[in-house]
Amino acid sequence: MVPARLNGPVLALFRMVTGVLFLCHGVASLFGVLGGNPMTGKAVPFAQWPGWWAALIQLVCGALVLVGLFTRPAALLASGSMAYAYFVVHQPDHPLPLHNGGELAALFCWSFLLVAVLGPGSWALDALLRKRRAIVADPATRPSVPA
């Protein structure tokens, strides 16, 4: 049994790993590095639908989820984009991910949905900003500054 005090850090680590993996897909597809786009091995042409836009979502949402900033909306957008990828690109070939190559799309979809529902965990910029806002909102918790 995992102690409850590990929930926040483990969730944060899950969020960070998922974010960096998604970010790498975006970087590869947009800039043609790290092996390039999985389909062509090159960068996706600018503004090409849907590949370039999907890669942009991967880059931006992956980075936001990685650092834990605007985590819930970024994770929800990432989850939705992976659901679209699964049902539009992969599922028409075969209903099972094992047979249609959609395992990553399905895993990213559900992973980001989990992050969107559970939040960023304790190691996130969202948590830091929330603490700052609470201190500013409550004068009693502000550190005293000598006059």
C-alpha atoms as a PDB file:
ATOM      1  CA  MET A   1       0.000   0.000   0.000  1.00  0.00           C
ATOM      2  CA  VAL A   2       1.360   3.386  -1.005  1.00  0.00           C
ATOM      3  CA  PRO A   3       1.235   6.031   1.715  1.00  0.00           C
ATOM      4  CA  ALA A   4      -1.167   8.887   0.934  1.00  0.00           C
ATOM      5  CA  ARG A   5       1.648  11.438   1.205  1.00  0.00           C
ATOM      6  CA  LEU A   6       3.115  10.031  -2.037  1.00  0.00           C
ATOM      7  CA  ASN A   7      -0.056  10.677  -4.075  1.00  0.00           C
ATOM      8  CA  GLY A   8       0.848  14.268  -4.995  1.00  0.00           C
ATOM      9  CA  PRO A   9       4.488  13.620  -5.954  1.00  0.00           C
ATOM     10  CA  VAL A  10       3.691  10.419  -7.887  1.00  0.00           C
ATOM     11  CA  LEU A  11       0.888  12.170  -9.787  1.00  0.00           C
ATOM     12  CA  ALA A  12       3.278  15.041 -10.547  1.00  0.00           C
ATOM     13  CA  LEU A  13       5.913  12.626 -11.863  1.00  0.00           C
ATOM     14  CA  PHE A  14       3.284  10.868 -14.015  1.00  0.00           C
ATOM     15  CA  ARG A  15       2.199  14.268 -15.372  1.00  0.00           C
ATOM     16  CA  MET A  16       5.777  15.328 -16.113  1.00  0.00           C
ATOM     17  CA  VAL A  17       6.735  12.100 -17.911  1.00  0.00           C
ATOM     18  CA  THR A  18       3.536  12.157 -19.962  1.00  0.00           C
ATOM     19  CA  GLY A  19       4.093  15.824 -20.798  1.00  0.00           C
ATOM     20  CA  VAL A  20       7.700  15.366 -21.926  1.00  0.00           C
ATOM     21  CA  LEU A  21       6.791  12.387 -24.121  1.00  0.00           C
ATOM     22  CA  PHE A  22       3.969  14.372 -25.751  1.00  0.00           C
ATOM     23  CA  LEU A  23       6.242  17.391 -26.150  1.00  0.00           C
ATOM     24  CA  CYS A  24       8.821  15.225 -27.948  1.00  0.00           C
ATOM     25  CA  HIS A  25       6.177  14.116 -30.465  1.00  0.00           C
ATOM     26  CA  GLY A  26       5.326  17.748 -31.172  1.00  0.00           C
ATOM     27  CA  VAL A  27       8.966  18.798 -31.546  1.00  0.00           C
ATOM     28  CA  ALA A  28       9.664  15.866 -33.873  1.00  0.00           C
ATOM     29  CA  SER A  29       6.689  16.594 -36.113  1.00  0.00           C
ATOM     30  CA  LEU A  30       7.060  20.383 -36.218  1.00  0.00           C
ATOM     31  CA  PHE A  31      10.827  20.614 -36.638  1.00  0.00           C
ATOM     32  CA  GLY A  32      11.763  17.275 -38.209  1.00  0.00           C
ATOM     33  CA  VAL A  33      14.153  16.370 -35.389  1.00  0.00           C
ATOM     34  CA  LEU A  34      14.212  13.300 -33.123  1.00  0.00           C
ATOM     35  CA  GLY A  35      13.325  11.151 -36.125  1.00  0.00           C
ATOM     36  CA  GLY A  36      10.751  13.575 -37.517  1.00  0.00           C
ATOM     37  CA  ASN A  37       7.078  12.881 -37.995  1.00  0.00           C
ATOM     38  CA  PRO A  38       6.350   9.156 -37.410  1.00  0.00           C
ATOM     39  CA  MET A  39       4.649   8.881 -40.818  1.00  0.00           C
ATOM     40  CA  THR A  40       7.293  10.604 -42.999  1.00  0.00           C
ATOM     41  CA  GLY A  41      10.410  11.113 -40.886  1.00  0.00           C
ATOM     42  CA  LYS A  42      10.302  14.813 -41.806  1.00  0.00           C
ATOM     43  CA  ALA A  43       8.672  17.962 -40.469  1.00  0.00           C
ATOM     44  CA  VAL A  44       4.960  18.332 -41.185  1.00  0.00           C
ATOM     45  CA  PRO A  45       4.343  21.166 -43.689  1.00  0.00           C
ATOM     46  CA  PHE A  46       3.224  24.425 -42.065  1.00  0.00           C
ATOM     47  CA  ALA A  47      -0.506  24.614 -41.241  1.00  0.00           C
ATOM     48  CA  GLN A  48      -1.291  21.266 -42.925  1.00  0.00           C
ATOM     49  CA  TRP A  49      -4.525  19.795 -41.529  1.00  0.00           C
ATOM     50  CA  PRO A  50      -4.568  17.897 -39.224  1.00  0.00           C
ATOM     51  CA  GLY A  51      -0.907  16.933 -38.743  1.00  0.00           C
ATOM     52  CA  TRP A  52       0.652  20.349 -38.189  1.00  0.00           C
ATOM     53  CA  TRP A  53      -2.117  21.442 -35.831  1.00  0.00           C
ATOM     54  CA  ALA A  54      -1.888  18.170 -33.890  1.00  0.00           C
ATOM     55  CA  ALA A  55       1.871  18.667 -33.565  1.00  0.00           C
ATOM     56  CA  LEU A  56       1.322  22.227 -32.319  1.00  0.00           C
ATOM     57  CA  ILE A  57      -1.103  20.919 -29.686  1.00  0.00           C
ATOM     58  CA  GLN A  58       1.472  18.276 -28.722  1.00  0.00           C
ATOM     59  CA  LEU A  59       4.200  20.892 -28.360  1.00  0.00           C
ATOM     60  CA  VAL A  60       2.201  23.493 -26.436  1.00  0.00           C
ATOM     61  CA  CYS A  61       0.092  21.169 -24.290  1.00  0.00           C
ATOM     62  CA  GLY A  62       3.052  18.865 -23.649  1.00  0.00           C
ATOM     63  CA  ALA A  63       5.111  21.815 -22.381  1.00  0.00           C
ATOM     64  CA  LEU A  64       2.255  23.170 -20.230  1.00  0.00           C
ATOM     65  CA  VAL A  65       1.524  19.757 -18.734  1.00  0.00           C
ATOM     66  CA  LEU A  66       5.237  19.136 -18.157  1.00  0.00           C
ATOM     67  CA  VAL A  67       5.670  22.276 -16.033  1.00  0.00           C
ATOM     68  CA  GLY A  68       2.186  22.071 -14.542  1.00  0.00           C
ATOM     69  CA  LEU A  69       0.848  25.399 -15.830  1.00  0.00           C
ATOM     70  CA  PHE A  70      -2.823  25.592 -16.907  1.00  0.00           C
ATOM     71  CA  THR A  71      -2.591  21.845 -16.429  1.00  0.00           C
ATOM     72  CA  ARG A  72      -6.249  20.855 -16.484  1.00  0.00           C
ATOM     73  CA  PRO A  73      -7.256  22.728 -19.666  1.00  0.00           C
ATOM     74  CA  ALA A  74      -4.017  21.742 -21.447  1.00  0.00           C
ATOM     75  CA  ALA A  75      -4.482  18.090 -20.482  1.00  0.00           C
ATOM     76  CA  LEU A  76      -8.122  18.170 -21.585  1.00  0.00           C
ATOM     77  CA  LEU A  77      -7.173  19.613 -24.988  1.00  0.00           C
ATOM     78  CA  ALA A  78      -4.387  17.028 -25.343  1.00  0.00           C
ATOM     79  CA  SER A  79      -6.786  14.228 -24.398  1.00  0.00           C
ATOM     80  CA  GLY A  80      -9.337  15.413 -26.944  1.00  0.00           C
ATOM     81  CA  SER A  81      -6.741  15.659 -29.692  1.00  0.00           C
ATOM     82  CA  MET A  82      -5.652  12.088 -29.007  1.00  0.00           C
ATOM     83  CA  ALA A  83      -9.273  10.890 -29.011  1.00  0.00           C
ATOM     84  CA  TYR A  84      -9.653  12.555 -32.415  1.00  0.00           C
ATOM     85  CA  ALA A  85      -6.423  10.896 -33.599  1.00  0.00           C
ATOM     86  CA  TYR A  86      -7.615   7.510 -32.436  1.00  0.00           C
ATOM     87  CA  PHE A  87     -11.126   7.632 -33.863  1.00  0.00           C
ATOM     88  CA  VAL A  88     -10.319   9.428 -37.121  1.00  0.00           C
ATOM     89  CA  VAL A  89      -6.877   8.063 -37.998  1.00  0.00           C
ATOM     90  CA  HIS A  90      -6.559   4.664 -36.304  1.00  0.00           C
ATOM     91  CA  GLN A  91      -9.984   3.201 -35.558  1.00  0.00           C
ATOM     92  CA  PRO A  92     -11.237   3.092 -39.177  1.00  0.00           C
ATOM     93  CA  ASP A  93      -8.522   0.506 -39.941  1.00  0.00           C
ATOM     94  CA  HIS A  94      -9.565  -1.863 -37.133  1.00  0.00           C
ATOM     95  CA  PRO A  95     -11.459  -1.414 -33.834  1.00  0.00           C
ATOM     96  CA  LEU A  96      -8.621  -2.726 -31.632  1.00  0.00           C
ATOM     97  CA  PRO A  97      -5.591  -0.517 -30.895  1.00  0.00           C
ATOM     98  CA  LEU A  98      -3.255  -3.495 -31.134  1.00  0.00           C
ATOM     99  CA  HIS A  99      -4.270  -3.989 -34.764  1.00  0.00           C
ATOM    100  CA  ASN A 100      -4.657  -0.360 -35.882  1.00  0.00           C
ATOM    101  CA  GLY A 101      -1.476   1.178 -34.414  1.00  0.00           C
ATOM    102  CA  GLY A 102      -3.445   3.412 -32.074  1.00  0.00           C
ATOM    103  CA  GLU A 103      -1.930   2.295 -28.763  1.00  0.00           C
ATOM    104  CA  LEU A 104      -0.080   5.584 -28.193  1.00  0.00           C
ATOM    105  CA  ALA A 105      -3.120   7.671 -29.100  1.00  0.00           C
ATOM    106  CA  ALA A 106      -5.295   5.662 -26.697  1.00  0.00           C
ATOM    107  CA  LEU A 107      -2.719   5.777 -23.884  1.00  0.00           C
ATOM    108  CA  PHE A 108      -2.106   9.522 -24.291  1.00  0.00           C
ATOM    109  CA  CYS A 109      -5.859  10.150 -24.436  1.00  0.00           C
ATOM    110  CA  TRP A 110      -6.553   8.341 -21.179  1.00  0.00           C
ATOM    111  CA  SER A 111      -3.384   9.587 -19.472  1.00  0.00           C
ATOM    112  CA  PHE A 112      -4.233  13.215 -20.174  1.00  0.00           C
ATOM    113  CA  LEU A 113      -7.841  12.668 -19.141  1.00  0.00           C
ATOM    114  CA  LEU A 114      -6.544  11.316 -15.822  1.00  0.00           C
ATOM    115  CA  VAL A 115      -4.351  14.402 -15.352  1.00  0.00           C
ATOM    116  CA  ALA A 116      -7.252  16.703 -16.288  1.00  0.00           C
ATOM    117  CA  VAL A 117      -9.483  15.049 -13.675  1.00  0.00           C
ATOM    118  CA  LEU A 118      -6.944  14.577 -10.847  1.00  0.00           C
ATOM    119  CA  GLY A 119      -4.973  17.777 -11.391  1.00  0.00           C
ATOM    120  CA  PRO A 120      -1.254  18.403 -11.627  1.00  0.00           C
ATOM    121  CA  GLY A 121      -0.056  16.932  -8.345  1.00  0.00           C
ATOM    122  CA  SER A 122       2.052  18.783  -5.813  1.00  0.00           C
ATOM    123  CA  TRP A 123       5.054  19.681  -7.981  1.00  0.00           C
ATOM    124  CA  ALA A 124       3.484  22.089 -10.445  1.00  0.00           C
ATOM    125  CA  LEU A 125       3.512  25.780 -11.259  1.00  0.00           C
ATOM    126  CA  ASP A 126      -0.271  25.732 -10.797  1.00  0.00           C
ATOM    127  CA  ALA A 127       0.223  24.692  -7.142  1.00  0.00           C
ATOM    128  CA  LEU A 128       2.859  27.384  -6.618  1.00  0.00           C
ATOM    129  CA  LEU A 129       0.623  30.068  -8.116  1.00  0.00           C
ATOM    130  CA  ARG A 130      -2.322  28.859  -6.027  1.00  0.00           C
ATOM    131  CA  LYS A 131      -0.236  29.241  -2.848  1.00  0.00           C
ATOM    132  CA  ARG A 132       0.874  32.733  -3.895  1.00  0.00           C
ATOM    133  CA  ARG A 133      -2.700  33.810  -4.574  1.00  0.00           C
ATOM    134  CA  ALA A 134      -3.769  32.502  -1.168  1.00  0.00           C
ATOM    135  CA  ILE A 135      -1.023  34.506   0.555  1.00  0.00           C
ATOM    136  CA  VAL A 136      -1.951  37.694  -1.315  1.00  0.00           C
ATOM    137  CA  ALA A 137      -5.659  37.178  -0.603  1.00  0.00           C
ATOM    138  CA  ASP A 138      -5.168  36.589   3.140  1.00  0.00           C
ATOM    139  CA  PRO A 139      -3.226  39.415   4.821  1.00  0.00           C
ATOM    140  CA  ALA A 140      -2.848  37.337   8.009  1.00  0.00           C
ATOM    141  CA  THR A 141      -0.616  34.813   6.202  1.00  0.00           C
ATOM    142  CA  ARG A 142       1.689  37.419   4.624  1.00  0.00           C
ATOM    143  CA  PRO A 143       5.208  37.459   6.018  1.00  0.00           C
ATOM    144  CA  SER A 144       5.805  40.542   8.129  1.00  0.00           C
ATOM    145  CA  VAL A 145       8.161  43.113   6.673  1.00  0.00           C
ATOM    146  CA  PRO A 146       9.993  45.317   9.175  1.00  0.00           C
ATOM    147  CA  ALA A 147       9.152  48.987   8.755  1.00  0.00           C
END
